[in-house]
PDB file of all heavy atoms in Angstrom:
ATOM      1  N   ALA A   1     -58.881  45.599 -86.266  1.00  0.00           N
ATOM      2  CA  ALA A   1     -59.668  45.772 -87.565  1.00  0.00           C
ATOM      3  C   ALA A   1     -58.696  45.656 -88.788  1.00  0.00           C
ATOM      4  O   ALA A   1     -57.650  46.096 -88.751  1.00  0.00           O
ATOM      5  CB  ALA A   1     -60.348  47.183 -87.592  1.00  0.00           C
ATOM      6  N   GLN A   2     -59.196  44.858 -89.798  1.00  0.00           N
ATOM      7  CA  GLN A   2     -58.521  44.677 -90.997  1.00  0.00           C
ATOM      8  C   GLN A   2     -59.422  44.769 -92.200  1.00  0.00           C
ATOM      9  O   GLN A   2     -60.711  44.842 -91.959  1.00  0.00           O
ATOM     10  CB  GLN A   2     -57.780  43.259 -91.030  1.00  0.00           C
ATOM     11  CG  GLN A   2     -56.750  43.114 -89.899  1.00  0.00           C
ATOM     12  CD  GLN A   2     -56.122  41.761 -89.935  1.00  0.00           C
ATOM     13  OE1 GLN A   2     -56.623  40.782 -90.420  1.00  0.00           O
ATOM     14  NE2 GLN A   2     -54.953  41.673 -89.271  1.00  0.00           N
ATOM     15  N   ASP A   3     -58.915  44.668 -93.342  1.00  0.00           N
ATOM     16  CA  ASP A   3     -59.972  44.592 -94.541  1.00  0.00           C
ATOM     17  C   ASP A   3     -60.775  43.394 -94.353  1.00  0.00           C
ATOM     18  O   ASP A   3     -60.306  42.304 -94.065  1.00  0.00           O
ATOM     19  CB  ASP A   3     -59.141  44.529 -95.878  1.00  0.00           C
ATOM     20  CG  ASP A   3     -58.427  45.820 -96.227  1.00  0.00           C
ATOM     21  OD1 ASP A   3     -58.801  46.825 -95.658  1.00  0.00           O
ATOM     22  OD2 ASP A   3     -57.430  45.759 -97.058  1.00  0.00           O
ATOM     23  N   GLN A   4     -62.034  43.640 -94.595  1.00  0.00           N
ATOM     24  CA  GLN A   4     -63.050  42.494 -94.553  1.00  0.00           C
ATOM     25  C   GLN A   4     -63.298  41.823 -93.184  1.00  0.00           C
ATOM     26  O   GLN A   4     -63.826  40.736 -93.178  1.00  0.00           O
ATOM     27  CB  GLN A   4     -62.715  41.450 -95.610  1.00  0.00           C
ATOM     28  CG  GLN A   4     -62.384  41.943 -97.010  1.00  0.00           C
ATOM     29  CD  GLN A   4     -63.555  42.763 -97.642  1.00  0.00           C
ATOM     30  OE1 GLN A   4     -64.705  42.283 -97.578  1.00  0.00           O
ATOM     31  NE2 GLN A   4     -63.337  43.885 -98.211  1.00  0.00           N
ATOM     32  N   GLY A   5     -62.807  42.461 -92.086  1.00  0.00           N
ATOM     33  CA  GLY A   5     -63.075  41.821 -90.835  1.00  0.00           C
ATOM     34  C   GLY A   5     -62.096  42.286 -89.754  1.00  0.00           C
ATOM     35  O   GLY A   5     -61.422  43.322 -89.865  1.00  0.00           O
ATOM     36  N   CYS A   6     -61.869  41.353 -88.845  1.00  0.00           N
ATOM     37  CA  CYS A   6     -60.907  41.585 -87.729  1.00  0.00           C
ATOM     38  C   CYS A   6     -60.101  40.307 -87.341  1.00  0.00           C
ATOM     39  O   CYS A   6     -60.655  39.216 -87.417  1.00  0.00           O
ATOM     40  CB  CYS A   6     -61.685  42.005 -86.437  1.00  0.00           C
ATOM     41  SG  CYS A   6     -62.707  43.520 -86.659  1.00  0.00           S
ATOM     42  N   GLN A   7     -58.896  40.584 -86.923  1.00  0.00           N
ATOM     43  CA  GLN A   7     -58.103  39.493 -86.341  1.00  0.00           C
ATOM     44  C   GLN A   7     -58.389  39.662 -84.820  1.00  0.00           C
ATOM     45  O   GLN A   7     -58.284  40.675 -84.226  1.00  0.00           O
ATOM     46  CB  GLN A   7     -56.661  39.715 -86.564  1.00  0.00           C
ATOM     47  CG  GLN A   7     -55.768  38.547 -86.243  1.00  0.00           C
ATOM     48  CD  GLN A   7     -55.980  37.355 -87.101  1.00  0.00           C
ATOM     49  OE1 GLN A   7     -56.532  37.441 -88.221  1.00  0.00           O
ATOM     50  NE2 GLN A   7     -55.573  36.185 -86.687  1.00  0.00           N
ATOM     51  N   VAL A   8     -58.848  38.534 -84.237  1.00  0.00           N
ATOM     52  CA  VAL A   8     -59.210  38.532 -82.823  1.00  0.00           C
ATOM     53  C   VAL A   8     -58.197  37.616 -82.156  1.00  0.00           C
ATOM     54  O   VAL A   8     -58.009  36.438 -82.516  1.00  0.00           O
ATOM     55  CB  VAL A   8     -60.668  38.070 -82.609  1.00  0.00           C
ATOM     56  CG1 VAL A   8     -60.970  38.072 -81.050  1.00  0.00           C
ATOM     57  CG2 VAL A   8     -61.644  38.928 -83.354  1.00  0.00           C
ATOM     58  N   ILE A   9     -57.511  38.123 -81.082  1.00  0.00           N
ATOM     59  CA  ILE A   9     -56.522  37.399 -80.367  1.00  0.00           C
ATOM     60  C   ILE A   9     -56.941  37.375 -78.986  1.00  0.00           C
ATOM     61  O   ILE A   9     -57.450  38.362 -78.346  1.00  0.00           O
ATOM     62  CB  ILE A   9     -55.226  38.213 -80.430  1.00  0.00           C
ATOM     63  CG1 ILE A   9     -54.739  38.390 -81.871  1.00  0.00           C
ATOM     64  CG2 ILE A   9     -54.050  37.477 -79.631  1.00  0.00           C
ATOM     65  CD1 ILE A   9     -53.748  39.503 -82.130  1.00  0.00           C
ATOM     66  N   THR A  10     -56.821  36.151 -78.357  1.00  0.00           N
ATOM     67  CA  THR A  10     -57.090  36.007 -76.961  1.00  0.00           C
ATOM     68  C   THR A  10     -55.918  35.323 -76.269  1.00  0.00           C
ATOM     69  O   THR A  10     -55.353  34.394 -76.831  1.00  0.00           O
ATOM     70  CB  THR A  10     -58.430  35.267 -76.702  1.00  0.00           C
ATOM     71  OG1 THR A  10     -58.656  35.274 -75.344  1.00  0.00           O
ATOM     72  CG2 THR A  10     -58.453  33.895 -77.204  1.00  0.00           C
ATOM     73  N   GLU A  11     -55.468  35.818 -75.178  1.00  0.00           N
ATOM     74  CA  GLU A  11     -54.384  35.292 -74.383  1.00  0.00           C
ATOM     75  C   GLU A  11     -54.722  35.180 -72.932  1.00  0.00           C
ATOM     76  O   GLU A  11     -55.461  36.055 -72.464  1.00  0.00           O
ATOM     77  CB  GLU A  11     -53.121  36.124 -74.485  1.00  0.00           C
ATOM     78  CG  GLU A  11     -52.405  35.961 -75.908  1.00  0.00           C
ATOM     79  CD  GLU A  11     -51.002  36.593 -75.937  1.00  0.00           C
ATOM     80  OE1 GLU A  11     -50.173  36.142 -75.126  1.00  0.00           O
ATOM     81  OE2 GLU A  11     -50.807  37.528 -76.756  1.00  0.00           O
ATOM     82  N   GLU A  12     -54.162  34.198 -72.325  1.00  0.00           N
ATOM     83  CA  GLU A  12     -54.395  34.026 -70.898  1.00  0.00           C
ATOM     84  C   GLU A  12     -53.073  33.568 -70.252  1.00  0.00           C
ATOM     85  O   GLU A  12     -52.375  32.651 -70.735  1.00  0.00           O
ATOM     86  CB  GLU A  12     -55.490  32.975 -70.602  1.00  0.00           C
ATOM     87  CG  GLU A  12     -55.764  32.871 -69.153  1.00  0.00           C
ATOM     88  CD  GLU A  12     -57.022  32.016 -68.803  1.00  0.00           C
ATOM     89  OE1 GLU A  12     -58.072  32.227 -69.589  1.00  0.00           O
ATOM     90  OE2 GLU A  12     -57.038  31.354 -67.804  1.00  0.00           O
ATOM     91  N   THR A  13     -52.782  34.166 -69.109  1.00  0.00           N
ATOM     92  CA  THR A  13     -51.712  33.648 -68.299  1.00  0.00           C
ATOM     93  C   THR A  13     -52.302  33.279 -66.922  1.00  0.00           C
ATOM     94  O   THR A  13     -53.287  33.777 -66.518  1.00  0.00           O
ATOM     95  CB  THR A  13     -50.602  34.712 -68.077  1.00  0.00           C
ATOM     96  OG1 THR A  13     -51.161  35.869 -67.491  1.00  0.00           O
ATOM     97  CG2 THR A  13     -49.976  35.104 -69.413  1.00  0.00           C
ATOM     98  N   GLN A  14     -51.632  32.325 -66.310  1.00  0.00           N
ATOM     99  CA  GLN A  14     -52.050  31.798 -65.053  1.00  0.00           C
ATOM    100  C   GLN A  14     -50.854  31.601 -64.107  1.00  0.00           C
ATOM    101  O   GLN A  14     -49.828  31.191 -64.580  1.00  0.00           O
ATOM    102  CB  GLN A  14     -52.817  30.527 -65.092  1.00  0.00           C
ATOM    103  CG  GLN A  14     -54.174  30.610 -65.807  1.00  0.00           C
ATOM    104  CD  GLN A  14     -54.932  29.265 -65.752  1.00  0.00           C
ATOM    105  OE1 GLN A  14     -54.500  28.297 -65.056  1.00  0.00           O
ATOM    106  NE2 GLN A  14     -56.100  29.248 -66.417  1.00  0.00           N
ATOM    107  N   ARG A  15     -51.150  31.751 -62.790  1.00  0.00           N
ATOM    108  CA  ARG A  15     -50.132  31.348 -61.758  1.00  0.00           C
ATOM    109  C   ARG A  15     -50.920  30.898 -60.560  1.00  0.00           C
ATOM    110  O   ARG A  15     -52.072  31.147 -60.495  1.00  0.00           O
ATOM    111  CB  ARG A  15     -49.210  32.578 -61.530  1.00  0.00           C
ATOM    112  CG  ARG A  15     -49.792  33.802 -61.019  1.00  0.00           C
ATOM    113  CD  ARG A  15     -48.705  34.928 -60.774  1.00  0.00           C
ATOM    114  NE  ARG A  15     -49.141  35.772 -59.762  1.00  0.00           N
ATOM    115  CZ  ARG A  15     -49.683  36.910 -59.954  1.00  0.00           C
ATOM    116  NH1 ARG A  15     -49.810  37.325 -61.158  1.00  0.00           N
ATOM    117  NH2 ARG A  15     -49.999  37.719 -58.925  1.00  0.00           N
ATOM    118  N   GLY A  16     -50.204  30.330 -59.618  1.00  0.00           N
ATOM    119  CA  GLY A  16     -50.795  29.716 -58.479  1.00  0.00           C
ATOM    120  C   GLY A  16     -50.434  28.237 -58.343  1.00  0.00           C
ATOM    121  O   GLY A  16     -49.770  27.685 -59.233  1.00  0.00           O
ATOM    122  N   TRP A  17     -50.839  27.664 -57.265  1.00  0.00           N
ATOM    123  CA  TRP A  17     -50.484  26.239 -57.029  1.00  0.00           C
ATOM    124  C   TRP A  17     -51.126  25.301 -58.074  1.00  0.00           C
ATOM    125  O   TRP A  17     -50.507  24.401 -58.470  1.00  0.00           O
ATOM    126  CB  TRP A  17     -50.730  25.843 -55.545  1.00  0.00           C
ATOM    127  CG  TRP A  17     -52.169  25.723 -55.155  1.00  0.00           C
ATOM    128  CD1 TRP A  17     -52.877  26.700 -54.424  1.00  0.00           C
ATOM    129  CD2 TRP A  17     -53.097  24.753 -55.382  1.00  0.00           C
ATOM    130  NE1 TRP A  17     -54.149  26.292 -54.247  1.00  0.00           N
ATOM    131  CE2 TRP A  17     -54.304  25.042 -54.772  1.00  0.00           C
ATOM    132  CE3 TRP A  17     -52.975  23.460 -55.987  1.00  0.00           C
ATOM    133  CZ2 TRP A  17     -55.424  24.207 -54.788  1.00  0.00           C
ATOM    134  CZ3 TRP A  17     -54.121  22.603 -56.017  1.00  0.00           C
ATOM    135  CH2 TRP A  17     -55.325  23.013 -55.431  1.00  0.00           C
ATOM    136  N   LEU A  18     -52.348  25.556 -58.411  1.00  0.00           N
ATOM    137  CA  LEU A  18     -53.036  24.696 -59.378  1.00  0.00           C
ATOM    138  C   LEU A  18     -52.333  24.732 -60.758  1.00  0.00           C
ATOM    139  O   LEU A  18     -51.964  23.576 -61.254  1.00  0.00           O
ATOM    140  CB  LEU A  18     -54.484  25.018 -59.492  1.00  0.00           C
ATOM    141  CG  LEU A  18     -55.354  24.059 -60.298  1.00  0.00           C
ATOM    142  CD1 LEU A  18     -55.408  22.709 -59.612  1.00  0.00           C
ATOM    143  CD2 LEU A  18     -56.792  24.646 -60.399  1.00  0.00           C
ATOM    144  N   PRO A  19     -52.116  25.840 -61.386  1.00  0.00           N
ATOM    145  CA  PRO A  19     -51.412  25.773 -62.659  1.00  0.00           C
ATOM    146  C   PRO A  19     -50.023  25.327 -62.463  1.00  0.00           C
ATOM    147  O   PRO A  19     -49.399  24.694 -63.471  1.00  0.00           O
ATOM    148  CB  PRO A  19     -51.413  27.187 -63.180  1.00  0.00           C
ATOM    149  CG  PRO A  19     -52.096  28.035 -62.151  1.00  0.00           C
ATOM    150  CD  PRO A  19     -52.672  27.141 -61.112  1.00  0.00           C
ATOM    151  N   SER A  20     -49.342  25.517 -61.381  1.00  0.00           N
ATOM    152  CA  SER A  20     -47.960  25.009 -61.157  1.00  0.00           C
ATOM    153  C   SER A  20     -47.998  23.464 -61.164  1.00  0.00           C
ATOM    154  O   SER A  20     -46.987  22.926 -61.754  1.00  0.00           O
ATOM    155  CB  SER A  20     -47.396  25.487 -59.779  1.00  0.00           C
ATOM    156  OG  SER A  20     -47.173  26.907 -59.797  1.00  0.00           O
ATOM    157  N   LEU A  21     -48.935  22.881 -60.617  1.00  0.00           N
ATOM    158  CA  LEU A  21     -49.035  21.394 -60.608  1.00  0.00           C
ATOM    159  C   LEU A  21     -49.443  20.813 -61.970  1.00  0.00           C
ATOM    160  O   LEU A  21     -48.998  19.687 -62.305  1.00  0.00           O
ATOM    161  CB  LEU A  21     -49.959  20.909 -59.508  1.00  0.00           C
ATOM    162  CG  LEU A  21     -49.531  21.095 -58.067  1.00  0.00           C
ATOM    163  CD1 LEU A  21     -50.659  20.677 -57.143  1.00  0.00           C
ATOM    164  CD2 LEU A  21     -48.284  20.297 -57.762  1.00  0.00           C
ATOM    165  N   PHE A  22     -50.297  21.463 -62.651  1.00  0.00           N
ATOM    166  CA  PHE A  22     -50.881  20.892 -63.876  1.00  0.00           C
ATOM    167  C   PHE A  22     -50.774  21.748 -65.128  1.00  0.00           C
ATOM    168  O   PHE A  22     -51.680  21.856 -65.965  1.00  0.00           O
ATOM    169  CB  PHE A  22     -52.382  20.665 -63.565  1.00  0.00           C
ATOM    170  CG  PHE A  22     -52.682  19.737 -62.437  1.00  0.00           C
ATOM    171  CD1 PHE A  22     -53.098  20.256 -61.268  1.00  0.00           C
ATOM    172  CD2 PHE A  22     -52.477  18.411 -62.566  1.00  0.00           C
ATOM    173  CE1 PHE A  22     -53.360  19.465 -60.192  1.00  0.00           C
ATOM    174  CE2 PHE A  22     -52.707  17.560 -61.481  1.00  0.00           C
ATOM    175  CZ  PHE A  22     -53.200  18.103 -60.226  1.00  0.00           C
ATOM    176  N   SER A  23     -49.612  22.434 -65.232  1.00  0.00           N
ATOM    177  CA  SER A  23     -49.354  23.415 -66.283  1.00  0.00           C
ATOM    178  C   SER A  23     -49.606  22.878 -67.727  1.00  0.00           C
ATOM    179  O   SER A  23     -50.307  23.511 -68.504  1.00  0.00           O
ATOM    180  CB  SER A  23     -48.021  24.078 -66.232  1.00  0.00           C
ATOM    181  OG  SER A  23     -47.031  23.131 -66.357  1.00  0.00           O
ATOM    182  N   TRP A  24     -49.059  21.725 -68.018  1.00  0.00           N
ATOM    183  CA  TRP A  24     -49.250  21.122 -69.322  1.00  0.00           C
ATOM    184  C   TRP A  24     -50.624  20.897 -69.695  1.00  0.00           C
ATOM    185  O   TRP A  24     -51.156  21.218 -70.709  1.00  0.00           O
ATOM    186  CB  TRP A  24     -48.376  19.875 -69.546  1.00  0.00           C
ATOM    187  CG  TRP A  24     -48.523  19.284 -70.881  1.00  0.00           C
ATOM    188  CD1 TRP A  24     -47.851  19.605 -71.973  1.00  0.00           C
ATOM    189  CD2 TRP A  24     -49.467  18.235 -71.177  1.00  0.00           C
ATOM    190  NE1 TRP A  24     -48.294  18.805 -73.009  1.00  0.00           N
ATOM    191  CE2 TRP A  24     -49.289  17.991 -72.610  1.00  0.00           C
ATOM    192  CE3 TRP A  24     -50.378  17.524 -70.573  1.00  0.00           C
ATOM    193  CZ2 TRP A  24     -50.003  17.010 -73.290  1.00  0.00           C
ATOM    194  CZ3 TRP A  24     -51.153  16.556 -71.254  1.00  0.00           C
ATOM    195  CH2 TRP A  24     -50.928  16.385 -72.576  1.00  0.00           C
ATOM    196  N   PHE A  25     -51.385  20.258 -68.722  1.00  0.00           N
ATOM    197  CA  PHE A  25     -52.751  19.908 -68.874  1.00  0.00           C
ATOM    198  C   PHE A  25     -53.677  21.125 -68.996  1.00  0.00           C
ATOM    199  O   PHE A  25     -54.501  21.170 -69.852  1.00  0.00           O
ATOM    200  CB  PHE A  25     -53.152  18.978 -67.724  1.00  0.00           C
ATOM    201  CG  PHE A  25     -54.644  18.592 -67.714  1.00  0.00           C
ATOM    202  CD1 PHE A  25     -55.011  17.586 -68.600  1.00  0.00           C
ATOM    203  CD2 PHE A  25     -55.566  19.197 -66.902  1.00  0.00           C
ATOM    204  CE1 PHE A  25     -56.327  17.173 -68.658  1.00  0.00           C
ATOM    205  CE2 PHE A  25     -56.917  18.790 -66.985  1.00  0.00           C
ATOM    206  CZ  PHE A  25     -57.241  17.740 -67.799  1.00  0.00           C
ATOM    207  N   ILE A  26     -53.367  22.131 -68.242  1.00  0.00           N
ATOM    208  CA  ILE A  26     -54.136  23.375 -68.223  1.00  0.00           C
ATOM    209  C   ILE A  26     -54.001  24.128 -69.526  1.00  0.00           C
ATOM    210  O   ILE A  26     -54.864  24.569 -70.158  1.00  0.00           O
ATOM    211  CB  ILE A  26     -53.864  24.263 -67.058  1.00  0.00           C
ATOM    212  CG1 ILE A  26     -54.440  23.601 -65.757  1.00  0.00           C
ATOM    213  CG2 ILE A  26     -54.409  25.665 -67.220  1.00  0.00           C
ATOM    214  CD1 ILE A  26     -53.971  24.217 -64.436  1.00  0.00           C
ATOM    215  N   LYS A  27     -52.690  24.217 -70.023  1.00  0.00           N
ATOM    216  CA  LYS A  27     -52.421  24.916 -71.225  1.00  0.00           C
ATOM    217  C   LYS A  27     -53.146  24.282 -72.432  1.00  0.00           C
ATOM    218  O   LYS A  27     -53.768  24.910 -73.254  1.00  0.00           O
ATOM    219  CB  LYS A  27     -50.932  25.004 -71.482  1.00  0.00           C
ATOM    220  CG  LYS A  27     -50.597  25.780 -72.821  1.00  0.00           C
ATOM    221  CD  LYS A  27     -49.141  25.991 -73.042  1.00  0.00           C
ATOM    222  CE  LYS A  27     -48.961  26.739 -74.301  1.00  0.00           C
ATOM    223  NZ  LYS A  27     -47.518  27.127 -74.518  1.00  0.00           N
ATOM    224  N   LYS A  28     -53.062  22.899 -72.479  1.00  0.00           N
ATOM    225  CA  LYS A  28     -53.739  22.176 -73.519  1.00  0.00           C
ATOM    226  C   LYS A  28     -55.260  22.453 -73.555  1.00  0.00           C
ATOM    227  O   LYS A  28     -55.819  22.681 -74.577  1.00  0.00           O
ATOM    228  CB  LYS A  28     -53.462  20.688 -73.363  1.00  0.00           C
ATOM    229  CG  LYS A  28     -54.009  19.804 -74.439  1.00  0.00           C
ATOM    230  CD  LYS A  28     -53.606  18.288 -74.196  1.00  0.00           C
ATOM    231  CE  LYS A  28     -54.330  17.475 -75.233  1.00  0.00           C
ATOM    232  NZ  LYS A  28     -54.033  16.083 -74.976  1.00  0.00           N
ATOM    233  N   GLY A  29     -55.793  22.432 -72.385  1.00  0.00           N
ATOM    234  CA  GLY A  29     -57.265  22.725 -72.327  1.00  0.00           C
ATOM    235  C   GLY A  29     -57.561  24.135 -72.691  1.00  0.00           C
ATOM    236  O   GLY A  29     -58.622  24.374 -73.427  1.00  0.00           O
ATOM    237  N   LEU A  30     -56.733  25.130 -72.203  1.00  0.00           N
ATOM    238  CA  LEU A  30     -57.048  26.500 -72.620  1.00  0.00           C
ATOM    239  C   LEU A  30     -56.947  26.692 -74.159  1.00  0.00           C
ATOM    240  O   LEU A  30     -57.802  27.339 -74.735  1.00  0.00           O
ATOM    241  CB  LEU A  30     -55.951  27.456 -72.012  1.00  0.00           C
ATOM    242  CG  LEU A  30     -56.167  27.706 -70.410  1.00  0.00           C
ATOM    243  CD1 LEU A  30     -54.930  28.506 -69.961  1.00  0.00           C
ATOM    244  CD2 LEU A  30     -57.405  28.442 -70.167  1.00  0.00           C
ATOM    245  N   LEU A  31     -55.923  26.130 -74.759  1.00  0.00           N
ATOM    246  CA  LEU A  31     -55.840  26.299 -76.209  1.00  0.00           C
ATOM    247  C   LEU A  31     -57.022  25.701 -76.975  1.00  0.00           C
ATOM    248  O   LEU A  31     -57.554  26.345 -77.817  1.00  0.00           O
ATOM    249  CB  LEU A  31     -54.521  25.598 -76.692  1.00  0.00           C
ATOM    250  CG  LEU A  31     -53.229  26.306 -76.304  1.00  0.00           C
ATOM    251  CD1 LEU A  31     -51.994  25.411 -76.617  1.00  0.00           C
ATOM    252  CD2 LEU A  31     -53.140  27.651 -76.995  1.00  0.00           C
TER     253      LEU A  31
END
């Protein structure tokens, strides 16, 4: 909560064979 609204933050971490193989692609898609 801030004046006139809220800062909303979302974060995700991943591990496993799929993100290990495609980390750059997955991160770009998540963002």
